[in-house]
């Protein structure tokens, strides 16, 4: 009898957690849908495009398509005149792991002048990237560049932190390849709500770095 009661309690907890996860996911998606763009021609101009980082390669050494598609999207926006500068924000917290320098190198190789690219080496999390964009780099009107699921979370944070933002969707990865990422994103949205509710700040701020 006791085991059945424990099982019922566990089942109820699972249902509650699942409900919270899916409700949060729907809220974030719906509240930001008017701010995301797939068409370069349709997206409004902003001075700065915030390119969110990820690893260039996977553990097996193959190309990380999330990375490549974000680079492609940033290049397309810049060459279409939709952003004047790119702020590359990523994780450089460990030796031999540097998302930002890899992105900078690929953007320069595509013909974007180095002086048009600004580096944020302390974008450890999406929250850090958004907060530092405003507080360190002084930009509160931005175009976020990432995949749709990531853009939606980024915009939700931006909206709650006083930024005026739109986002350009990089091509997504096929569900068969990106299932784990998509599942992880749903829990990341719940974590994001907790961070916002408890006033979580960026890990580092530092000196002001004006863009342009």
N, C-alpha and C. Protein backbone atom coordinates (compact mmCIF):
# COMPACT_ATOMS: atom_id res chain seq x y z
N UNK A 1 0.83 -1.21 0.00
CA UNK A 1 0.00 0.00 0.00
C UNK A 1 0.87 1.26 0.00
N UNK A 2 1.92 1.19 0.84
CA UNK A 2 2.83 2.33 0.92
C UNK A 2 3.54 2.57 -0.40
N UNK A 3 3.92 1.48 -1.08
CA UNK A 3 4.60 1.61 -2.37
C UNK A 3 3.69 2.26 -3.40
N UNK A 4 2.40 1.89 -3.38
CA UNK A 4 1.45 2.48 -4.32
C UNK A 4 1.29 3.98 -4.08
N UNK A 5 1.29 4.37 -2.82
CA UNK A 5 1.17 5.79 -2.49
C UNK A 5 2.39 6.57 -3.00
N UNK A 6 3.56 5.98 -2.79
CA UNK A 6 4.79 6.62 -3.27
C UNK A 6 4.78 6.75 -4.79
N UNK A 7 4.33 5.70 -5.46
CA UNK A 7 4.26 5.73 -6.92
C UNK A 7 3.29 6.80 -7.41
N UNK A 8 2.16 6.95 -6.70
CA UNK A 8 1.19 7.98 -7.09
C UNK A 8 1.78 9.38 -6.92
N UNK A 9 2.50 9.56 -5.82
CA UNK A 9 3.14 10.86 -5.58
C UNK A 9 4.18 11.16 -6.65
N UNK A 10 4.99 10.15 -6.98
CA UNK A 10 6.01 10.32 -8.02
C UNK A 10 5.38 10.62 -9.37
N UNK A 11 4.29 9.92 -9.68
CA UNK A 11 3.59 10.15 -10.94
C UNK A 11 3.04 11.57 -11.00
N UNK A 12 2.48 12.02 -9.88
CA UNK A 12 1.95 13.38 -9.82
C UNK A 12 3.06 14.41 -10.03
N UNK A 13 4.22 14.17 -9.42
CA UNK A 13 5.36 15.08 -9.59
C UNK A 13 5.82 15.12 -11.04
N UNK A 14 5.88 13.96 -11.67
CA UNK A 14 6.28 13.90 -13.08
C UNK A 14 5.30 14.69 -13.94
N UNK A 15 4.01 14.54 -13.68
CA UNK A 15 2.99 15.25 -14.45
C UNK A 15 3.12 16.76 -14.24
N UNK A 16 3.36 17.17 -12.99
CA UNK A 16 3.50 18.60 -12.69
C UNK A 16 4.73 19.19 -13.38
N UNK A 17 5.84 18.47 -13.32
CA UNK A 17 7.07 18.95 -13.97
C UNK A 17 6.88 19.04 -15.47
N UNK A 18 6.29 18.00 -16.06
CA UNK A 18 6.05 18.00 -17.50
C UNK A 18 5.13 19.15 -17.89
N UNK A 19 4.10 19.39 -17.08
CA UNK A 19 3.19 20.49 -17.36
C UNK A 19 3.89 21.83 -17.31
N UNK A 20 4.77 22.01 -16.31
CA UNK A 20 5.53 23.25 -16.19
C UNK A 20 6.45 23.45 -17.39
N UNK A 21 7.12 22.38 -17.79
CA UNK A 21 8.06 22.46 -18.92
C UNK A 21 7.33 22.85 -20.20
N UNK A 22 6.24 22.19 -20.50
CA UNK A 22 5.53 22.47 -21.75
C UNK A 22 4.79 23.80 -21.72
N UNK A 23 4.29 24.21 -20.55
CA UNK A 23 3.64 25.52 -20.45
C UNK A 23 4.66 26.65 -20.65
N UNK A 24 5.83 26.49 -20.05
CA UNK A 24 6.89 27.49 -20.22
C UNK A 24 7.34 27.57 -21.66
N UNK A 25 7.50 26.41 -22.28
CA UNK A 25 7.92 26.35 -23.68
C UNK A 25 6.93 27.10 -24.57
N UNK A 26 5.64 26.87 -24.36
CA UNK A 26 4.61 27.52 -25.16
C UNK A 26 4.58 29.03 -24.91
N UNK A 27 4.75 29.43 -23.67
CA UNK A 27 4.73 30.85 -23.31
C UNK A 27 5.88 31.60 -24.01
N UNK A 28 7.07 31.05 -23.92
CA UNK A 28 8.23 31.70 -24.54
C UNK A 28 8.05 31.80 -26.05
N UNK A 29 7.58 30.74 -26.68
CA UNK A 29 7.41 30.74 -28.14
C UNK A 29 6.36 31.75 -28.59
N UNK A 30 5.23 31.77 -27.91
CA UNK A 30 4.14 32.66 -28.32
C UNK A 30 4.44 34.12 -28.05
N UNK A 31 5.09 34.40 -26.95
CA UNK A 31 5.32 35.80 -26.58
C UNK A 31 6.38 36.48 -27.44
N UNK A 32 7.15 35.71 -28.19
CA UNK A 32 8.23 36.30 -29.00
C UNK A 32 8.03 36.12 -30.50
N UNK A 33 6.92 35.51 -30.91
CA UNK A 33 6.79 35.14 -32.32
C UNK A 33 6.76 36.33 -33.28
N UNK A 34 6.34 37.51 -32.81
CA UNK A 34 6.31 38.68 -33.69
C UNK A 34 7.69 39.31 -33.85
N UNK A 35 8.68 38.81 -33.12
CA UNK A 35 10.02 39.41 -33.14
C UNK A 35 11.03 38.59 -33.93
N UNK A 36 10.62 37.44 -34.44
CA UNK A 36 11.57 36.57 -35.15
C UNK A 36 11.34 36.65 -36.66
N UNK A 37 12.43 36.60 -37.39
CA UNK A 37 12.38 36.73 -38.85
C UNK A 37 13.19 35.61 -39.51
N UNK A 38 12.66 35.15 -40.64
CA UNK A 38 13.38 34.18 -41.48
C UNK A 38 13.91 34.81 -42.76
N UNK A 39 13.36 35.96 -43.12
CA UNK A 39 13.66 36.62 -44.39
C UNK A 39 14.57 37.82 -44.16
N UNK A 40 15.74 37.80 -44.77
CA UNK A 40 16.69 38.91 -44.63
C UNK A 40 16.06 40.22 -45.08
N UNK A 41 15.30 40.18 -46.16
CA UNK A 41 14.70 41.41 -46.69
C UNK A 41 13.68 42.02 -45.74
N UNK A 42 13.04 41.20 -44.94
CA UNK A 42 11.94 41.68 -44.08
C UNK A 42 12.41 42.20 -42.73
N UNK A 43 13.55 41.74 -42.27
CA UNK A 43 13.98 42.12 -40.92
C UNK A 43 14.43 43.57 -40.88
N UNK A 44 14.04 44.33 -39.84
CA UNK A 44 14.47 45.73 -39.76
C UNK A 44 15.96 45.86 -39.47
N UNK A 45 16.50 47.02 -39.81
CA UNK A 45 17.92 47.30 -39.57
C UNK A 45 18.16 47.61 -38.10
N UNK A 46 19.26 47.11 -37.59
CA UNK A 46 19.77 47.50 -36.28
C UNK A 46 21.28 47.72 -36.40
N UNK A 47 21.80 48.57 -35.56
CA UNK A 47 23.24 48.83 -35.59
C UNK A 47 24.04 47.56 -35.31
N UNK A 48 23.59 46.77 -34.34
CA UNK A 48 24.38 45.63 -33.87
C UNK A 48 23.62 44.31 -34.01
N UNK A 49 24.31 43.33 -34.56
CA UNK A 49 23.81 41.96 -34.56
C UNK A 49 24.56 41.17 -33.50
N UNK A 50 23.82 40.57 -32.58
CA UNK A 50 24.42 39.77 -31.51
C UNK A 50 24.45 38.31 -31.94
N UNK A 51 25.63 37.82 -32.29
CA UNK A 51 25.81 36.45 -32.75
C UNK A 51 26.13 35.57 -31.55
N UNK A 52 25.23 34.65 -31.24
CA UNK A 52 25.40 33.80 -30.06
C UNK A 52 26.25 32.58 -30.39
N UNK A 53 27.20 32.31 -29.53
CA UNK A 53 28.21 31.30 -29.82
C UNK A 53 27.81 29.87 -29.50
N UNK A 54 28.53 28.98 -30.12
CA UNK A 54 28.46 27.55 -29.83
C UNK A 54 29.76 26.94 -30.35
N UNK A 55 30.02 25.71 -30.03
CA UNK A 55 31.27 25.07 -30.46
C UNK A 55 31.29 24.91 -31.98
N UNK A 56 32.47 25.09 -32.57
CA UNK A 56 32.60 24.96 -34.02
C UNK A 56 32.52 23.51 -34.47
N UNK A 57 33.02 22.61 -33.66
CA UNK A 57 33.01 21.18 -34.02
C UNK A 57 32.37 20.35 -32.92
N UNK A 58 31.90 19.18 -33.29
CA UNK A 58 31.34 18.24 -32.33
C UNK A 58 32.45 17.40 -31.71
N UNK A 59 32.12 16.59 -30.74
CA UNK A 59 33.14 15.78 -30.05
C UNK A 59 33.88 14.84 -30.98
N UNK A 60 33.21 14.39 -32.05
CA UNK A 60 33.86 13.48 -32.99
C UNK A 60 34.67 14.21 -34.05
N UNK A 61 34.73 15.55 -33.93
CA UNK A 61 35.51 16.35 -34.87
C UNK A 61 34.75 16.82 -36.09
N UNK A 62 33.52 16.40 -36.24
CA UNK A 62 32.72 16.81 -37.40
C UNK A 62 32.19 18.23 -37.20
N UNK A 63 31.73 18.83 -38.28
CA UNK A 63 31.24 20.20 -38.24
C UNK A 63 29.95 20.28 -37.42
N UNK A 64 29.88 21.27 -36.54
CA UNK A 64 28.66 21.55 -35.80
C UNK A 64 27.77 22.43 -36.68
N UNK A 65 26.69 21.88 -37.17
CA UNK A 65 25.83 22.62 -38.09
C UNK A 65 25.17 23.82 -37.43
N UNK A 66 24.92 23.75 -36.13
CA UNK A 66 24.36 24.92 -35.45
C UNK A 66 25.32 26.10 -35.59
N UNK A 67 26.60 25.82 -35.41
CA UNK A 67 27.64 26.86 -35.57
C UNK A 67 27.67 27.37 -36.99
N UNK A 68 27.79 26.48 -37.96
CA UNK A 68 27.94 26.89 -39.36
C UNK A 68 26.74 27.70 -39.84
N UNK A 69 25.55 27.28 -39.47
CA UNK A 69 24.35 27.99 -39.91
C UNK A 69 24.25 29.38 -39.26
N UNK A 70 24.73 29.52 -38.04
CA UNK A 70 24.73 30.84 -37.41
C UNK A 70 25.71 31.78 -38.10
N UNK A 71 26.87 31.25 -38.45
CA UNK A 71 27.85 32.04 -39.19
C UNK A 71 27.26 32.49 -40.52
N UNK A 72 26.63 31.58 -41.23
CA UNK A 72 26.00 31.91 -42.51
C UNK A 72 24.95 33.01 -42.35
N UNK A 73 24.16 32.92 -41.30
CA UNK A 73 23.11 33.91 -41.06
C UNK A 73 23.70 35.28 -40.76
N UNK A 74 24.76 35.32 -39.96
CA UNK A 74 25.40 36.60 -39.64
C UNK A 74 25.99 37.24 -40.89
N UNK A 75 26.62 36.44 -41.73
CA UNK A 75 27.18 36.95 -42.98
C UNK A 75 26.09 37.52 -43.86
N UNK A 76 24.98 36.81 -43.97
CA UNK A 76 23.87 37.26 -44.82
C UNK A 76 23.31 38.59 -44.32
N UNK A 77 23.14 38.73 -43.02
CA UNK A 77 22.61 39.98 -42.46
C UNK A 77 23.56 41.14 -42.71
N UNK A 78 24.85 40.92 -42.46
CA UNK A 78 25.82 42.00 -42.64
C UNK A 78 25.90 42.42 -44.11
N UNK A 79 25.97 41.47 -45.00
CA UNK A 79 26.12 41.79 -46.42
C UNK A 79 24.86 42.41 -47.01
N UNK A 80 23.72 42.18 -46.37
CA UNK A 80 22.47 42.80 -46.81
C UNK A 80 22.28 44.19 -46.19
N UNK A 81 23.22 44.62 -45.37
CA UNK A 81 23.13 45.93 -44.74
C UNK A 81 22.13 46.00 -43.61
N UNK A 82 21.77 44.86 -43.05
CA UNK A 82 20.78 44.84 -41.97
C UNK A 82 21.39 45.05 -40.59
N UNK A 83 22.70 44.88 -40.48
CA UNK A 83 23.43 45.23 -39.26
C UNK A 83 24.74 45.90 -39.69
N UNK A 84 25.22 46.83 -38.86
CA UNK A 84 26.47 47.53 -39.17
C UNK A 84 27.67 46.89 -38.47
N UNK A 85 27.41 46.28 -37.33
CA UNK A 85 28.46 45.64 -36.55
C UNK A 85 27.96 44.28 -36.06
N UNK A 86 28.89 43.39 -35.81
CA UNK A 86 28.56 42.09 -35.22
C UNK A 86 29.24 41.97 -33.86
N UNK A 87 28.46 41.69 -32.85
CA UNK A 87 28.99 41.40 -31.52
C UNK A 87 28.96 39.89 -31.34
N UNK A 88 30.14 39.30 -31.31
CA UNK A 88 30.28 37.85 -31.23
C UNK A 88 30.42 37.47 -29.76
N UNK A 89 29.44 36.75 -29.24
CA UNK A 89 29.42 36.45 -27.81
C UNK A 89 29.47 34.94 -27.57
N UNK A 90 30.49 34.51 -26.84
CA UNK A 90 30.63 33.08 -26.62
C UNK A 90 31.47 32.76 -25.39
N UNK A 91 31.70 31.50 -25.21
CA UNK A 91 32.41 30.98 -24.05
C UNK A 91 33.90 30.86 -24.35
N UNK A 92 34.71 31.51 -23.51
CA UNK A 92 36.16 31.37 -23.59
C UNK A 92 36.70 31.11 -22.19
N UNK A 93 35.93 30.33 -21.42
CA UNK A 93 36.27 30.14 -20.02
C UNK A 93 37.26 29.02 -19.74
N UNK A 94 37.64 28.28 -20.77
CA UNK A 94 38.59 27.18 -20.57
C UNK A 94 39.73 27.26 -21.58
N UNK A 95 40.88 26.77 -21.19
CA UNK A 95 42.03 26.74 -22.09
C UNK A 95 41.70 25.88 -23.30
N UNK A 96 42.04 26.36 -24.47
CA UNK A 96 41.83 25.63 -25.74
C UNK A 96 40.36 25.54 -26.14
N UNK A 97 39.51 26.34 -25.49
CA UNK A 97 38.11 26.38 -25.93
C UNK A 97 37.73 27.85 -26.09
N UNK A 98 37.55 28.27 -27.32
CA UNK A 98 37.34 29.69 -27.60
C UNK A 98 36.33 29.85 -28.74
N UNK A 99 35.06 29.93 -28.38
CA UNK A 99 34.01 30.08 -29.39
C UNK A 99 34.14 31.38 -30.15
N UNK A 100 34.47 32.45 -29.44
CA UNK A 100 34.45 33.78 -30.05
C UNK A 100 35.52 33.96 -31.13
N UNK A 101 36.73 33.52 -30.86
CA UNK A 101 37.80 33.68 -31.85
C UNK A 101 37.54 32.86 -33.11
N UNK A 102 36.96 31.68 -32.93
CA UNK A 102 36.61 30.85 -34.09
C UNK A 102 35.59 31.56 -34.97
N UNK A 103 34.58 32.16 -34.34
CA UNK A 103 33.56 32.87 -35.11
C UNK A 103 34.14 34.09 -35.79
N UNK A 104 34.98 34.82 -35.08
CA UNK A 104 35.61 35.99 -35.69
C UNK A 104 36.41 35.60 -36.92
N UNK A 105 37.20 34.54 -36.82
CA UNK A 105 38.03 34.10 -37.95
C UNK A 105 37.18 33.73 -39.16
N UNK A 106 36.07 33.05 -38.94
CA UNK A 106 35.22 32.65 -40.06
C UNK A 106 34.49 33.84 -40.67
N UNK A 107 34.12 34.81 -39.85
CA UNK A 107 33.47 36.01 -40.38
C UNK A 107 34.45 36.84 -41.22
N UNK A 108 35.68 36.96 -40.73
CA UNK A 108 36.71 37.69 -41.49
C UNK A 108 37.00 36.97 -42.81
N UNK A 109 37.07 35.65 -42.77
CA UNK A 109 37.32 34.87 -43.99
C UNK A 109 36.21 35.06 -45.01
N UNK A 110 35.02 35.42 -44.54
CA UNK A 110 33.88 35.65 -45.45
C UNK A 110 33.83 37.08 -45.96
N UNK A 111 34.81 37.90 -45.56
CA UNK A 111 34.89 39.25 -46.09
C UNK A 111 34.38 40.35 -45.18
N UNK A 112 34.04 40.03 -43.95
CA UNK A 112 33.59 41.06 -43.01
C UNK A 112 34.81 41.68 -42.35
N UNK A 113 34.96 43.02 -42.41
CA UNK A 113 36.15 43.66 -41.84
C UNK A 113 36.28 43.41 -40.34
N UNK A 114 37.50 43.21 -39.90
CA UNK A 114 37.75 42.92 -38.49
C UNK A 114 37.23 44.01 -37.58
N UNK A 115 37.33 45.26 -38.05
CA UNK A 115 36.90 46.38 -37.21
C UNK A 115 35.38 46.45 -37.04
N UNK A 116 34.67 45.66 -37.81
CA UNK A 116 33.21 45.60 -37.68
C UNK A 116 32.75 44.48 -36.74
N UNK A 117 33.72 43.76 -36.19
CA UNK A 117 33.40 42.62 -35.32
C UNK A 117 33.91 42.92 -33.91
N UNK A 118 33.01 42.88 -32.94
CA UNK A 118 33.38 43.08 -31.55
C UNK A 118 33.25 41.75 -30.80
N UNK A 119 34.11 41.56 -29.83
CA UNK A 119 34.22 40.26 -29.17
C UNK A 119 33.76 40.32 -27.72
N UNK A 120 32.91 39.41 -27.35
CA UNK A 120 32.51 39.23 -25.96
C UNK A 120 32.93 37.82 -25.54
N UNK A 121 34.04 37.77 -24.81
CA UNK A 121 34.60 36.47 -24.42
C UNK A 121 33.91 35.88 -23.18
N UNK A 122 32.99 36.62 -22.58
CA UNK A 122 32.35 36.16 -21.34
C UNK A 122 30.86 35.86 -21.54
N UNK A 123 30.51 35.45 -22.75
CA UNK A 123 29.13 35.05 -23.01
C UNK A 123 28.93 33.58 -22.66
N UNK A 124 29.10 33.28 -21.39
CA UNK A 124 29.06 31.87 -20.95
C UNK A 124 27.68 31.25 -21.12
N UNK A 125 26.66 32.07 -20.94
CA UNK A 125 25.28 31.62 -21.09
C UNK A 125 24.53 32.68 -21.88
N UNK A 126 23.36 32.31 -22.36
CA UNK A 126 22.55 33.27 -23.12
C UNK A 126 22.24 34.49 -22.27
N UNK A 127 21.92 34.28 -21.00
CA UNK A 127 21.64 35.40 -20.10
C UNK A 127 22.83 36.34 -20.02
N UNK A 128 24.05 35.80 -19.90
CA UNK A 128 25.26 36.62 -19.86
C UNK A 128 25.39 37.44 -21.14
N UNK A 129 25.17 36.81 -22.28
CA UNK A 129 25.31 37.50 -23.57
C UNK A 129 24.37 38.69 -23.68
N UNK A 130 23.12 38.50 -23.28
CA UNK A 130 22.12 39.57 -23.36
C UNK A 130 22.44 40.69 -22.38
N UNK A 131 22.73 40.34 -21.14
CA UNK A 131 23.02 41.35 -20.13
C UNK A 131 24.28 42.13 -20.45
N UNK A 132 25.32 41.45 -20.90
CA UNK A 132 26.58 42.13 -21.22
C UNK A 132 26.44 43.01 -22.46
N UNK A 133 25.60 42.59 -23.39
CA UNK A 133 25.35 43.42 -24.57
C UNK A 133 24.85 44.80 -24.15
N UNK A 134 23.97 44.81 -23.17
CA UNK A 134 23.40 46.07 -22.69
C UNK A 134 24.34 46.80 -21.73
N UNK A 135 24.86 46.10 -20.74
CA UNK A 135 25.59 46.75 -19.66
C UNK A 135 27.06 47.03 -19.98
N UNK A 136 27.70 46.17 -20.76
CA UNK A 136 29.12 46.35 -21.09
C UNK A 136 29.28 47.07 -22.43
N UNK A 137 28.53 46.63 -23.43
CA UNK A 137 28.70 47.19 -24.77
C UNK A 137 27.72 48.33 -25.07
N UNK A 138 26.81 48.60 -24.16
CA UNK A 138 25.94 49.77 -24.27
C UNK A 138 24.89 49.70 -25.35
N UNK A 139 24.52 48.50 -25.77
CA UNK A 139 23.55 48.35 -26.86
C UNK A 139 22.24 47.77 -26.33
N UNK A 140 21.16 48.51 -26.53
CA UNK A 140 19.85 48.05 -26.07
C UNK A 140 18.87 47.84 -27.22
N UNK A 141 19.32 48.10 -28.46
CA UNK A 141 18.52 47.77 -29.66
C UNK A 141 19.37 46.84 -30.51
N UNK A 142 18.97 45.59 -30.61
CA UNK A 142 19.84 44.59 -31.23
C UNK A 142 19.07 43.61 -32.10
N UNK A 143 19.82 42.94 -32.95
CA UNK A 143 19.31 41.79 -33.71
C UNK A 143 20.06 40.55 -33.23
N UNK A 144 19.35 39.63 -32.64
CA UNK A 144 19.95 38.39 -32.16
C UNK A 144 20.05 37.40 -33.32
N UNK A 145 21.14 36.66 -33.39
CA UNK A 145 21.36 35.70 -34.48
C UNK A 145 21.63 34.32 -33.91
N UNK A 146 20.70 33.41 -34.14
CA UNK A 146 20.85 32.02 -33.72
C UNK A 146 19.72 31.21 -34.36
N UNK A 147 19.54 29.97 -33.92
CA UNK A 147 18.40 29.18 -34.40
C UNK A 147 17.13 29.65 -33.70
N UNK A 148 15.98 29.33 -34.29
CA UNK A 148 14.69 29.81 -33.77
C UNK A 148 14.52 29.51 -32.29
N UNK A 149 14.74 28.27 -31.88
CA UNK A 149 14.49 27.91 -30.48
C UNK A 149 15.35 28.74 -29.53
N UNK A 150 16.58 29.02 -29.94
CA UNK A 150 17.50 29.82 -29.12
C UNK A 150 17.12 31.29 -29.17
N UNK A 151 16.73 31.75 -30.34
CA UNK A 151 16.29 33.14 -30.49
C UNK A 151 15.10 33.45 -29.59
N UNK A 152 14.15 32.53 -29.52
CA UNK A 152 12.96 32.77 -28.71
C UNK A 152 13.34 32.98 -27.24
N UNK A 153 14.21 32.15 -26.73
CA UNK A 153 14.66 32.30 -25.34
C UNK A 153 15.45 33.59 -25.15
N UNK A 154 16.30 33.91 -26.12
CA UNK A 154 17.09 35.14 -26.05
C UNK A 154 16.19 36.37 -26.04
N UNK A 155 15.19 36.37 -26.89
CA UNK A 155 14.26 37.50 -26.96
C UNK A 155 13.45 37.63 -25.67
N UNK A 156 13.06 36.52 -25.10
CA UNK A 156 12.31 36.55 -23.84
C UNK A 156 13.15 37.22 -22.75
N UNK A 157 14.42 36.86 -22.69
CA UNK A 157 15.32 37.50 -21.73
C UNK A 157 15.45 38.99 -22.03
N UNK A 158 15.70 39.31 -23.30
CA UNK A 158 15.86 40.71 -23.70
C UNK A 158 14.64 41.54 -23.34
N UNK A 159 13.46 41.00 -23.60
CA UNK A 159 12.22 41.71 -23.30
C UNK A 159 12.09 42.01 -21.81
N UNK A 160 12.57 41.11 -20.99
CA UNK A 160 12.45 41.28 -19.54
C UNK A 160 13.62 42.06 -18.94
N UNK A 161 14.60 42.38 -19.76
CA UNK A 161 15.75 43.14 -19.28
C UNK A 161 15.85 44.52 -19.93
N UNK A 162 14.79 44.95 -20.59
CA UNK A 162 14.73 46.32 -21.10
C UNK A 162 15.40 46.56 -22.43
N UNK A 163 15.68 45.52 -23.20
CA UNK A 163 16.23 45.69 -24.54
C UNK A 163 15.11 45.66 -25.57
N UNK A 164 15.33 46.33 -26.68
CA UNK A 164 14.43 46.26 -27.82
C UNK A 164 15.11 45.38 -28.85
N UNK A 165 14.56 44.21 -29.08
CA UNK A 165 15.28 43.22 -29.89
C UNK A 165 14.38 42.53 -30.90
N UNK A 166 15.00 42.19 -32.02
CA UNK A 166 14.42 41.25 -32.99
C UNK A 166 15.45 40.15 -33.17
N UNK A 167 15.08 39.11 -33.90
CA UNK A 167 16.03 38.01 -34.10
C UNK A 167 15.92 37.47 -35.51
N UNK A 168 17.05 37.05 -36.04
CA UNK A 168 17.10 36.41 -37.36
C UNK A 168 17.40 34.94 -37.16
N UNK A 169 16.55 34.11 -37.74
CA UNK A 169 16.68 32.66 -37.55
C UNK A 169 17.69 32.05 -38.52
N UNK A 170 18.75 31.52 -37.96
CA UNK A 170 19.66 30.70 -38.77
C UNK A 170 18.95 29.40 -39.11
N UNK A 171 19.40 28.76 -40.16
CA UNK A 171 18.82 27.46 -40.53
C UNK A 171 18.93 26.50 -39.35
N UNK A 172 17.92 25.68 -39.18
CA UNK A 172 17.92 24.73 -38.07
C UNK A 172 18.52 23.40 -38.52
N UNK A 173 18.80 22.56 -37.55
CA UNK A 173 19.35 21.23 -37.80
C UNK A 173 18.20 20.24 -37.81
N UNK A 174 18.28 19.23 -38.66
CA UNK A 174 17.22 18.23 -38.75
C UNK A 174 16.92 17.62 -37.38
N UNK A 175 15.65 17.34 -37.13
CA UNK A 175 15.22 16.83 -35.83
C UNK A 175 16.01 15.59 -35.42
N UNK A 176 16.31 14.72 -36.39
CA UNK A 176 17.04 13.49 -36.07
C UNK A 176 18.42 13.78 -35.50
N UNK A 177 19.01 14.90 -35.94
CA UNK A 177 20.35 15.27 -35.46
C UNK A 177 20.29 16.16 -34.22
N UNK A 178 19.22 16.95 -34.11
CA UNK A 178 19.17 17.94 -33.04
C UNK A 178 18.17 17.65 -31.94
N UNK A 179 17.70 16.41 -31.82
CA UNK A 179 16.67 16.08 -30.84
C UNK A 179 17.12 16.40 -29.42
N UNK A 180 18.35 16.01 -29.07
CA UNK A 180 18.84 16.27 -27.72
C UNK A 180 18.88 17.76 -27.42
N UNK A 181 19.32 18.53 -28.41
CA UNK A 181 19.39 19.98 -28.23
C UNK A 181 18.00 20.56 -28.00
N UNK A 182 17.03 20.10 -28.79
CA UNK A 182 15.66 20.60 -28.65
C UNK A 182 15.08 20.23 -27.29
N UNK A 183 15.35 19.02 -26.82
CA UNK A 183 14.85 18.60 -25.51
C UNK A 183 15.52 19.40 -24.40
N UNK A 184 16.81 19.60 -24.52
CA UNK A 184 17.55 20.38 -23.53
C UNK A 184 17.04 21.82 -23.47
N UNK A 185 16.64 22.34 -24.64
CA UNK A 185 16.12 23.71 -24.70
C UNK A 185 14.87 23.88 -23.85
N UNK A 186 14.00 22.88 -23.84
CA UNK A 186 12.76 22.98 -23.06
C UNK A 186 13.06 23.16 -21.58
N UNK A 187 14.05 22.44 -21.07
CA UNK A 187 14.42 22.59 -19.66
C UNK A 187 15.20 23.89 -19.44
N UNK A 188 15.94 24.33 -20.45
CA UNK A 188 16.67 25.60 -20.35
C UNK A 188 15.71 26.76 -20.18
N UNK A 189 14.53 26.64 -20.76
CA UNK A 189 13.54 27.72 -20.64
C UNK A 189 13.00 27.81 -19.21
N UNK A 190 12.83 26.69 -18.57
CA UNK A 190 12.40 26.70 -17.17
C UNK A 190 13.50 27.32 -16.30
N UNK A 191 14.74 26.93 -16.56
CA UNK A 191 15.88 27.50 -15.83
C UNK A 191 15.95 29.00 -16.05
N UNK A 192 15.67 29.45 -17.28
CA UNK A 192 15.67 30.87 -17.59
C UNK A 192 14.65 31.62 -16.75
N UNK A 193 13.44 31.07 -16.62
CA UNK A 193 12.40 31.71 -15.81
C UNK A 193 12.84 31.85 -14.36
N UNK A 194 13.49 30.83 -13.84
CA UNK A 194 13.99 30.90 -12.47
C UNK A 194 15.07 31.97 -12.34
N UNK A 195 15.96 32.04 -13.32
CA UNK A 195 17.01 33.07 -13.31
C UNK A 195 16.40 34.46 -13.30
N UNK A 196 15.39 34.68 -14.14
CA UNK A 196 14.74 35.99 -14.21
C UNK A 196 13.99 36.29 -12.91
N UNK A 197 13.33 35.30 -12.38
CA UNK A 197 12.56 35.49 -11.15
C UNK A 197 13.45 35.86 -9.96
N UNK A 198 14.65 35.28 -9.92
CA UNK A 198 15.56 35.51 -8.80
C UNK A 198 16.64 36.56 -9.11
N UNK A 199 16.51 37.24 -10.24
CA UNK A 199 17.43 38.33 -10.56
C UNK A 199 18.85 37.92 -10.83
N UNK A 200 19.04 36.76 -11.44
CA UNK A 200 20.39 36.27 -11.77
C UNK A 200 21.11 37.28 -12.66
N UNK A 201 22.37 37.52 -12.36
CA UNK A 201 23.19 38.46 -13.13
C UNK A 201 24.24 37.71 -13.95
N UNK A 202 24.88 38.44 -14.86
CA UNK A 202 25.97 37.86 -15.63
C UNK A 202 27.14 37.52 -14.70
N UNK A 203 27.92 36.54 -15.07
CA UNK A 203 29.05 36.13 -14.25
C UNK A 203 30.08 37.24 -14.13
N UNK A 204 30.33 37.96 -15.24
CA UNK A 204 31.27 39.07 -15.26
C UNK A 204 30.65 40.25 -16.00
N UNK A 205 31.06 41.45 -15.60
CA UNK A 205 30.71 42.65 -16.36
C UNK A 205 32.00 43.32 -16.84
N UNK A 206 32.60 44.14 -16.01
CA UNK A 206 33.88 44.74 -16.42
C UNK A 206 33.72 46.10 -17.05
N UNK A 207 34.80 46.56 -17.70
CA UNK A 207 34.83 47.90 -18.29
C UNK A 207 33.86 48.01 -19.47
N UNK A 208 33.38 49.23 -19.69
CA UNK A 208 32.49 49.51 -20.82
C UNK A 208 33.28 49.42 -22.13
N UNK A 209 32.65 48.85 -23.14
CA UNK A 209 33.28 48.74 -24.47
C UNK A 209 32.29 49.25 -25.51
N UNK A 210 32.38 50.52 -25.89
CA UNK A 210 31.43 51.05 -26.87
C UNK A 210 31.65 50.45 -28.25
N UNK A 211 30.57 50.24 -28.97
CA UNK A 211 30.63 49.68 -30.32
C UNK A 211 30.47 50.80 -31.34
N UNK A 212 31.40 50.88 -32.28
CA UNK A 212 31.29 51.86 -33.35
C UNK A 212 31.98 53.17 -33.02
